[in-house]
Amino acid sequence: MPETTREPGTRRNSRHWLAQAVLISVGVAACASPQQIVTQKEDNLAAAGFVAQPANTPQRQTMLSRLPPHHFVRRVHGDSVSYVYADPLVCDCLYVGTQEAYGRYQAYLQQKRLADEQETTAQLYSDSAWDWGAWGPWGPGVVVGPGPGW
């Protein structure tokens, strides 16, 4: 869309909105401790079908320490694909899941992102000082959306 068809300040307003959304997200995340964040993630892994394998032998401890903590590692063995998630700090274990479990976990994350985005957007527009009337008539029969000037 040519720059001349935009309303003045449109780019600045969208940057301002994005900055607010990021600040709110960071602020909410800052309220939880790293251990709480990992614990919540592990609860979600278990709900998706991952199985916790404790590092309860010296060999398992050594192998667990070789994996990147709190990250997924993909393992392919023949036709089988597995995902592992190492947690040497909270549960001292390895979460193991199938391709399907990983897919369920990723789908959950996507749903959570959308829900968080909707909540953030709703919070951003709850300003009681906002004057909706300044934007013209709204109501039945009024088309709001992409068009000239959007």
C-alpha atoms as a PDB file:
ATOM      1  CA  MET A   1       0.000   0.000   0.000  1.00  0.00           C
ATOM      2  CA  PRO A   2       1.512   3.404  -0.905  1.00  0.00           C
ATOM      3  CA  GLU A   3       2.575   5.493   2.041  1.00  0.00           C
ATOM      4  CA  THR A   4       0.360   8.391   0.915  1.00  0.00           C
ATOM      5  CA  THR A   5      -2.875   6.455   1.571  1.00  0.00           C
ATOM      6  CA  ARG A   6      -2.179   5.966   5.269  1.00  0.00           C
ATOM      7  CA  GLU A   7      -3.635   8.208   7.899  1.00  0.00           C
ATOM      8  CA  PRO A   8      -1.040  10.346   9.680  1.00  0.00           C
ATOM      9  CA  GLY A   9       0.513   8.569  12.639  1.00  0.00           C
ATOM     10  CA  THR A  10      -0.696   5.079  11.659  1.00  0.00           C
ATOM     11  CA  ARG A  11       2.781   3.563  11.639  1.00  0.00           C
ATOM     12  CA  ARG A  12       3.649   5.284  14.918  1.00  0.00           C
ATOM     13  CA  ASN A  13       0.429   4.028  16.568  1.00  0.00           C
ATOM     14  CA  SER A  14       1.053   0.430  15.512  1.00  0.00           C
ATOM     15  CA  ARG A  15       4.612   0.633  16.851  1.00  0.00           C
ATOM     16  CA  HIS A  16       3.270   2.048  20.097  1.00  0.00           C
ATOM     17  CA  TRP A  17       0.735  -0.817  20.371  1.00  0.00           C
ATOM     18  CA  LEU A  18       3.437  -3.407  19.677  1.00  0.00           C
ATOM     19  CA  ALA A  19       5.733  -1.878  22.281  1.00  0.00           C
ATOM     20  CA  GLN A  20       2.943  -1.986  24.868  1.00  0.00           C
ATOM     21  CA  ALA A  21       2.172  -5.621  24.061  1.00  0.00           C
ATOM     22  CA  VAL A  22       5.817  -6.583  24.478  1.00  0.00           C
ATOM     23  CA  LEU A  23       6.114  -4.716  27.772  1.00  0.00           C
ATOM     24  CA  ILE A  24       2.995  -6.374  29.167  1.00  0.00           C
ATOM     25  CA  SER A  25       4.229  -9.825  28.105  1.00  0.00           C
ATOM     26  CA  VAL A  26       7.636  -9.242  29.665  1.00  0.00           C
ATOM     27  CA  GLY A  27       6.038  -7.902  32.827  1.00  0.00           C
ATOM     28  CA  VAL A  28       3.790 -10.944  33.217  1.00  0.00           C
ATOM     29  CA  ALA A  29       6.677 -13.335  32.557  1.00  0.00           C
ATOM     30  CA  ALA A  30       8.835 -11.477  35.080  1.00  0.00           C
ATOM     31  CA  CYS A  31       6.344 -12.303  37.849  1.00  0.00           C
ATOM     32  CA  ALA A  32       7.113 -16.040  37.695  1.00  0.00           C
ATOM     33  CA  SER A  33      10.383 -17.516  38.903  1.00  0.00           C
ATOM     34  CA  PRO A  34      12.487 -19.545  36.457  1.00  0.00           C
ATOM     35  CA  GLN A  35      11.620 -22.680  38.435  1.00  0.00           C
ATOM     36  CA  GLN A  36       7.885 -21.920  38.172  1.00  0.00           C
ATOM     37  CA  ILE A  37       8.194 -21.394  34.413  1.00  0.00           C
ATOM     38  CA  VAL A  38      10.034 -24.707  33.949  1.00  0.00           C
ATOM     39  CA  THR A  39       7.581 -26.533  36.214  1.00  0.00           C
ATOM     40  CA  GLN A  40       4.624 -25.184  34.213  1.00  0.00           C
ATOM     41  CA  LYS A  41       6.305 -26.215  30.964  1.00  0.00           C
ATOM     42  CA  GLU A  42       6.908 -29.706  32.320  1.00  0.00           C
ATOM     43  CA  ASP A  43       3.278 -30.019  33.401  1.00  0.00           C
ATOM     44  CA  ASN A  44       2.309 -29.177  29.832  1.00  0.00           C
ATOM     45  CA  LEU A  45       4.802 -31.699  28.444  1.00  0.00           C
ATOM     46  CA  ALA A  46       3.277 -34.431  30.618  1.00  0.00           C
ATOM     47  CA  ALA A  47      -0.230 -33.433  29.536  1.00  0.00           C
ATOM     48  CA  ALA A  48       0.865 -33.693  25.878  1.00  0.00           C
ATOM     49  CA  GLY A  49       2.125 -37.240  26.414  1.00  0.00           C
ATOM     50  CA  PHE A  50       5.789 -36.837  27.307  1.00  0.00           C
ATOM     51  CA  VAL A  51       7.078 -39.288  29.917  1.00  0.00           C
ATOM     52  CA  ALA A  52       9.579 -38.262  32.599  1.00  0.00           C
ATOM     53  CA  GLN A  53      12.613 -40.546  32.902  1.00  0.00           C
ATOM     54  CA  PRO A  54      14.563 -39.830  36.112  1.00  0.00           C
ATOM     55  CA  ALA A  55      18.331 -39.452  35.980  1.00  0.00           C
ATOM     56  CA  ASN A  56      18.657 -41.975  38.803  1.00  0.00           C
ATOM     57  CA  THR A  57      21.950 -43.645  37.828  1.00  0.00           C
ATOM     58  CA  PRO A  58      25.434 -42.207  37.337  1.00  0.00           C
ATOM     59  CA  GLN A  59      25.256 -43.044  33.609  1.00  0.00           C
ATOM     60  CA  ARG A  60      21.909 -41.223  33.222  1.00  0.00           C
ATOM     61  CA  GLN A  61      23.278 -38.231  35.171  1.00  0.00           C
ATOM     62  CA  THR A  62      26.272 -38.041  32.824  1.00  0.00           C
ATOM     63  CA  MET A  63      24.082 -38.288  29.717  1.00  0.00           C
ATOM     64  CA  LEU A  64      21.592 -35.728  31.048  1.00  0.00           C
ATOM     65  CA  SER A  65      24.410 -33.246  31.639  1.00  0.00           C
ATOM     66  CA  ARG A  66      25.459 -33.543  27.976  1.00  0.00           C
ATOM     67  CA  LEU A  67      22.106 -32.279  26.676  1.00  0.00           C
ATOM     68  CA  PRO A  68      21.177 -28.593  26.482  1.00  0.00           C
ATOM     69  CA  PRO A  69      18.985 -27.895  29.530  1.00  0.00           C
ATOM     70  CA  HIS A  70      15.362 -26.850  28.949  1.00  0.00           C
ATOM     71  CA  HIS A  71      15.486 -27.274  25.155  1.00  0.00           C
ATOM     72  CA  PHE A  72      14.078 -29.878  22.819  1.00  0.00           C
ATOM     73  CA  VAL A  73      16.385 -32.312  21.054  1.00  0.00           C
ATOM     74  CA  ARG A  74      15.070 -34.377  18.174  1.00  0.00           C
ATOM     75  CA  ARG A  75      16.198 -37.998  17.913  1.00  0.00           C
ATOM     76  CA  VAL A  76      15.690 -40.085  14.775  1.00  0.00           C
ATOM     77  CA  HIS A  77      16.177 -43.835  15.089  1.00  0.00           C
ATOM     78  CA  GLY A  78      15.207 -45.666  11.907  1.00  0.00           C
ATOM     79  CA  ASP A  79      11.620 -44.639  11.125  1.00  0.00           C
ATOM     80  CA  SER A  80      10.976 -43.470  14.674  1.00  0.00           C
ATOM     81  CA  VAL A  81      11.210 -39.807  15.697  1.00  0.00           C
ATOM     82  CA  SER A  82      11.421 -38.877  19.374  1.00  0.00           C
ATOM     83  CA  TYR A  83      11.807 -35.602  21.179  1.00  0.00           C
ATOM     84  CA  VAL A  84      13.615 -35.228  24.467  1.00  0.00           C
ATOM     85  CA  TYR A  85      13.639 -32.327  26.901  1.00  0.00           C
ATOM     86  CA  ALA A  86      16.357 -32.295  29.551  1.00  0.00           C
ATOM     87  CA  ASP A  87      15.722 -30.809  32.982  1.00  0.00           C
ATOM     88  CA  PRO A  88      18.765 -31.139  35.230  1.00  0.00           C
ATOM     89  CA  LEU A  89      17.509 -28.478  37.670  1.00  0.00           C
ATOM     90  CA  VAL A  90      13.846 -28.981  38.626  1.00  0.00           C
ATOM     91  CA  CYS A  91      13.093 -32.694  38.223  1.00  0.00           C
ATOM     92  CA  ASP A  92      16.590 -33.997  37.361  1.00  0.00           C
ATOM     93  CA  CYS A  93      15.024 -35.967  34.526  1.00  0.00           C
ATOM     94  CA  LEU A  94      14.588 -36.337  30.804  1.00  0.00           C
ATOM     95  CA  TYR A  95      11.148 -35.960  29.219  1.00  0.00           C
ATOM     96  CA  VAL A  96      10.705 -38.280  26.240  1.00  0.00           C
ATOM     97  CA  GLY A  97       7.895 -37.933  23.720  1.00  0.00           C
ATOM     98  CA  THR A  98       6.799 -39.142  20.325  1.00  0.00           C
ATOM     99  CA  GLN A  99       6.256 -37.005  17.243  1.00  0.00           C
ATOM    100  CA  GLU A 100       2.555 -36.940  18.170  1.00  0.00           C
ATOM    101  CA  ALA A 101       3.261 -35.760  21.720  1.00  0.00           C
ATOM    102  CA  TYR A 102       5.519 -33.027  20.363  1.00  0.00           C
ATOM    103  CA  GLY A 103       2.757 -31.996  17.935  1.00  0.00           C
ATOM    104  CA  ARG A 104       0.217 -31.804  20.783  1.00  0.00           C
ATOM    105  CA  TYR A 105       2.646 -29.699  22.823  1.00  0.00           C
ATOM    106  CA  GLN A 106       3.253 -27.311  19.894  1.00  0.00           C
ATOM    107  CA  ALA A 107      -0.516 -27.019  19.281  1.00  0.00           C
ATOM    108  CA  TYR A 108      -0.982 -26.144  22.957  1.00  0.00           C
ATOM    109  CA  LEU A 109       1.699 -23.439  22.693  1.00  0.00           C
ATOM    110  CA  GLN A 110      -0.006 -21.947  19.642  1.00  0.00           C
ATOM    111  CA  GLN A 111      -3.366 -21.851  21.436  1.00  0.00           C
ATOM    112  CA  LYS A 112      -1.725 -20.266  24.466  1.00  0.00           C
ATOM    113  CA  ARG A 113      -0.030 -17.600  22.315  1.00  0.00           C
ATOM    114  CA  LEU A 114      -3.362 -16.719  20.701  1.00  0.00           C
ATOM    115  CA  ALA A 115      -5.131 -16.567  24.066  1.00  0.00           C
ATOM    116  CA  ASP A 116      -2.345 -14.423  25.536  1.00  0.00           C
ATOM    117  CA  GLU A 117      -2.473 -12.111  22.520  1.00  0.00           C
ATOM    118  CA  GLN A 118      -6.246 -11.731  22.820  1.00  0.00           C
ATOM    119  CA  GLU A 119      -5.954 -10.993  26.530  1.00  0.00           C
ATOM    120  CA  THR A 120      -3.216  -8.425  25.918  1.00  0.00           C
ATOM    121  CA  THR A 121      -5.238  -6.772  23.161  1.00  0.00           C
ATOM    122  CA  ALA A 122      -8.314  -6.609  25.386  1.00  0.00           C
ATOM    123  CA  GLN A 123      -6.263  -5.029  28.159  1.00  0.00           C
ATOM    124  CA  LEU A 124      -4.790  -2.451  25.783  1.00  0.00           C
ATOM    125  CA  TYR A 125      -8.247  -1.277  24.695  1.00  0.00           C
ATOM    126  CA  SER A 126      -9.722  -0.971  28.188  1.00  0.00           C
ATOM    127  CA  ASP A 127      -8.665   2.689  28.515  1.00  0.00           C
ATOM    128  CA  SER A 128     -11.675   4.599  29.875  1.00  0.00           C
ATOM    129  CA  ALA A 129     -10.294   7.893  28.533  1.00  0.00           C
ATOM    130  CA  TRP A 130     -10.350   6.620  24.944  1.00  0.00           C
ATOM    131  CA  ASP A 131     -12.819   8.589  22.811  1.00  0.00           C
ATOM    132  CA  TRP A 132     -14.330   6.173  20.285  1.00  0.00           C
ATOM    133  CA  GLY A 133     -16.575   8.939  18.977  1.00  0.00           C
ATOM    134  CA  ALA A 134     -13.559  10.708  17.505  1.00  0.00           C
ATOM    135  CA  TRP A 135     -13.357   7.899  14.948  1.00  0.00           C
ATOM    136  CA  GLY A 136     -16.750   8.584  13.437  1.00  0.00           C
ATOM    137  CA  PRO A 137     -20.117   6.853  13.596  1.00  0.00           C
ATOM    138  CA  TRP A 138     -20.102   3.158  14.493  1.00  0.00           C
ATOM    139  CA  GLY A 139     -23.073   0.921  14.522  1.00  0.00           C
ATOM    140  CA  PRO A 140     -25.274  -1.262  12.328  1.00  0.00           C
ATOM    141  CA  GLY A 141     -24.640  -0.723   8.633  1.00  0.00           C
ATOM    142  CA  VAL A 142     -21.306   1.048   9.153  1.00  0.00           C
ATOM    143  CA  VAL A 143     -18.445  -0.812   7.506  1.00  0.00           C
ATOM    144  CA  VAL A 144     -15.292  -0.938   9.603  1.00  0.00           C
ATOM    145  CA  GLY A 145     -12.233  -2.536   8.084  1.00  0.00           C
ATOM    146  CA  PRO A 146      -9.758  -2.350   5.247  1.00  0.00           C
ATOM    147  CA  GLY A 147     -10.614   0.289   2.741  1.00  0.00           C
ATOM    148  CA  PRO A 148      -9.396   3.701   1.665  1.00  0.00           C
ATOM    149  CA  GLY A 149      -7.031   5.061   4.257  1.00  0.00           C
ATOM    150  CA  TRP A 150      -6.433   1.751   6.066  1.00  0.00           C
END
